[in-house]
């Protein structure tokens, strides 16, 4: 695992947190892009509960769009630094595709386990999601 990825793993989840000691899901994505890609994604206001974050699904997608990300359509393979938006069955969660141990993974932060780096297939299993890719 890359050193920079390992520096995130195990950090706790906290509402509205964007590091360096704790992260919510959007805060983690923002910090990864700020530190690894020199891209400053907009802040999305969130409250103290995941339900508030779920109400802001359009705000998160708008923040990504403002930064030049667009949804990837069709059956395409993920690329490193794609943003994964899980948006289905009342769920809103985001993560970022990273390469660790020579395979694609999803780095994300959830209230249940904090920041984790999961293999791509495990992270998406049984979940509705959309890839967003930064356009050059």
Protein backbone atom coordinates (compact mmCIF):
# COMPACT_ATOMS: atom_id res chain seq x y z
CA UNK A 1 0.00 0.00 0.00
CA UNK A 2 1.29 3.46 -0.85
CA UNK A 3 2.51 5.46 2.11
CA UNK A 4 0.01 8.26 1.48
CA UNK A 5 -2.92 5.82 1.47
CA UNK A 6 -1.73 4.17 4.69
CA UNK A 7 -1.62 7.59 6.35
CA UNK A 8 -5.43 7.78 5.97
CA UNK A 9 -6.42 4.21 6.87
CA UNK A 10 -7.69 3.85 10.41
CA UNK A 11 -8.57 7.52 10.94
CA UNK A 12 -11.99 7.86 12.54
CA UNK A 13 -15.15 9.13 10.87
CA UNK A 14 -16.62 12.36 12.21
CA UNK A 15 -19.52 14.46 10.87
CA UNK A 16 -18.32 17.32 8.69
CA UNK A 17 -14.64 16.42 9.21
CA UNK A 18 -12.08 16.92 6.44
CA UNK A 19 -8.90 16.01 8.29
CA UNK A 20 -6.28 15.63 9.30
CA UNK A 21 -7.38 13.66 12.39
CA UNK A 22 -10.85 12.52 11.23
CA UNK A 23 -12.89 12.48 8.02
CA UNK A 24 -16.42 12.18 6.76
CA UNK A 25 -16.68 10.63 3.30
CA UNK A 26 -16.67 13.89 1.31
CA UNK A 27 -13.97 15.38 3.56
CA UNK A 28 -11.73 12.40 2.77
CA UNK A 29 -12.28 12.78 -0.98
CA UNK A 30 -11.56 16.52 -0.69
CA UNK A 31 -8.34 15.89 1.24
CA UNK A 32 -7.09 13.21 -1.19
CA UNK A 33 -7.59 15.54 -4.14
CA UNK A 34 -6.05 18.49 -2.30
CA UNK A 35 -2.92 16.59 -1.25
CA UNK A 36 -2.43 14.17 -4.15
CA UNK A 37 -3.78 16.07 -7.17
CA UNK A 38 -3.61 19.75 -6.12
CA UNK A 39 -7.35 20.05 -6.79
CA UNK A 40 -9.44 22.00 -4.29
CA UNK A 41 -12.93 20.53 -4.26
CA UNK A 42 -15.67 22.73 -2.78
CA UNK A 43 -16.89 22.19 0.76
CA UNK A 44 -20.33 20.62 1.05
CA UNK A 45 -22.11 21.65 4.21
CA UNK A 46 -23.13 18.66 6.27
CA UNK A 47 -24.76 18.30 9.61
CA UNK A 48 -24.30 15.93 12.49
CA UNK A 49 -25.95 12.91 10.89
CA UNK A 50 -25.63 10.82 7.74
CA UNK A 51 -29.24 11.67 6.91
CA UNK A 52 -28.23 15.30 6.43
CA UNK A 53 -25.44 14.19 4.10
CA UNK A 54 -27.90 12.05 2.15
CA UNK A 55 -30.07 15.13 1.66
CA UNK A 56 -27.06 16.80 0.02
CA UNK A 57 -26.52 14.29 -2.78
CA UNK A 58 -27.13 16.96 -5.41
CA UNK A 59 -24.73 19.33 -3.61
CA UNK A 60 -21.94 16.73 -3.70
CA UNK A 61 -22.52 16.03 -7.38
CA UNK A 62 -22.60 19.76 -8.07
CA UNK A 63 -19.32 20.24 -6.16
CA UNK A 64 -17.71 17.52 -8.28
CA UNK A 65 -19.12 19.04 -11.49
CA UNK A 66 -17.81 22.50 -10.60
CA UNK A 67 -14.35 20.94 -10.28
CA UNK A 68 -14.50 19.40 -13.76
CA UNK A 69 -15.75 15.92 -12.88
CA UNK A 70 -18.40 14.28 -15.04
CA UNK A 71 -20.27 11.01 -14.64
CA UNK A 72 -18.82 8.15 -16.64
CA UNK A 73 -21.55 6.33 -18.56
CA UNK A 74 -21.63 2.78 -19.79
CA UNK A 75 -19.75 -0.28 -18.67
CA UNK A 76 -16.31 1.21 -18.07
CA UNK A 77 -13.51 0.19 -15.79
CA UNK A 78 -12.60 2.51 -12.94
CA UNK A 79 -9.41 4.55 -13.11
CA UNK A 80 -7.28 5.77 -10.24
CA UNK A 81 -8.70 9.00 -8.78
CA UNK A 82 -12.20 8.42 -10.10
CA UNK A 83 -14.76 9.48 -7.51
CA UNK A 84 -17.26 6.74 -6.62
CA UNK A 85 -20.70 8.05 -5.70
CA UNK A 86 -22.82 5.38 -4.02
CA UNK A 87 -26.36 6.63 -4.45
CA UNK A 88 -29.09 4.10 -4.06
CA UNK A 89 -31.63 2.68 -1.63
CA UNK A 90 -31.41 5.74 0.58
CA UNK A 91 -27.61 5.64 0.69
CA UNK A 92 -25.25 8.46 -0.16
CA UNK A 93 -21.59 7.75 0.22
CA UNK A 94 -18.51 8.76 -1.72
CA UNK A 95 -15.00 7.42 -2.01
CA UNK A 96 -12.04 7.65 -4.33
CA UNK A 97 -10.48 4.92 -6.48
CA UNK A 98 -6.84 4.37 -5.55
CA UNK A 99 -4.18 1.90 -6.59
CA UNK A 100 -2.84 -0.15 -3.68
CA UNK A 101 -1.00 -3.47 -3.83
CA UNK A 102 -1.15 -3.30 -7.64
CA UNK A 103 -4.94 -3.37 -7.74
CA UNK A 104 -7.76 -0.89 -7.70
CA UNK A 105 -9.37 -0.14 -4.36
CA UNK A 106 -11.84 2.33 -2.92
CA UNK A 107 -10.60 4.62 -0.15
CA UNK A 108 -13.56 5.84 1.87
CA UNK A 109 -14.68 6.87 5.34
CA UNK A 110 -17.86 5.64 6.99
CA UNK A 111 -19.29 6.12 10.44
CA UNK A 112 -19.17 2.35 10.95
CA UNK A 113 -15.43 1.83 10.42
CA UNK A 114 -13.66 5.12 9.75
CA UNK A 115 -11.24 5.29 6.82
CA UNK A 116 -10.72 2.00 5.01
CA UNK A 117 -9.16 0.93 1.72
CA UNK A 118 -11.19 -1.91 0.22
CA UNK A 119 -10.69 -3.88 -2.98
CA UNK A 120 -12.85 -2.46 -5.78
CA UNK A 121 -15.09 -5.53 -6.19
CA UNK A 122 -15.73 -5.78 -2.46
CA UNK A 123 -16.55 -2.07 -2.10
CA UNK A 124 -19.13 -2.05 -4.91
CA UNK A 125 -20.71 -5.45 -4.28
CA UNK A 126 -24.48 -5.12 -4.23
CA UNK A 127 -24.43 -1.31 -4.23
CA UNK A 128 -25.70 1.21 -6.76
CA UNK A 129 -22.88 3.54 -7.73
CA UNK A 130 -21.71 5.99 -10.35
CA UNK A 131 -18.14 6.85 -11.34
CA UNK A 132 -17.21 10.50 -11.74
CA UNK A 133 -14.00 11.28 -13.63
CA UNK A 134 -12.14 14.55 -13.88
CA UNK A 135 -12.09 15.80 -17.43
CA UNK A 136 -8.84 17.21 -18.80
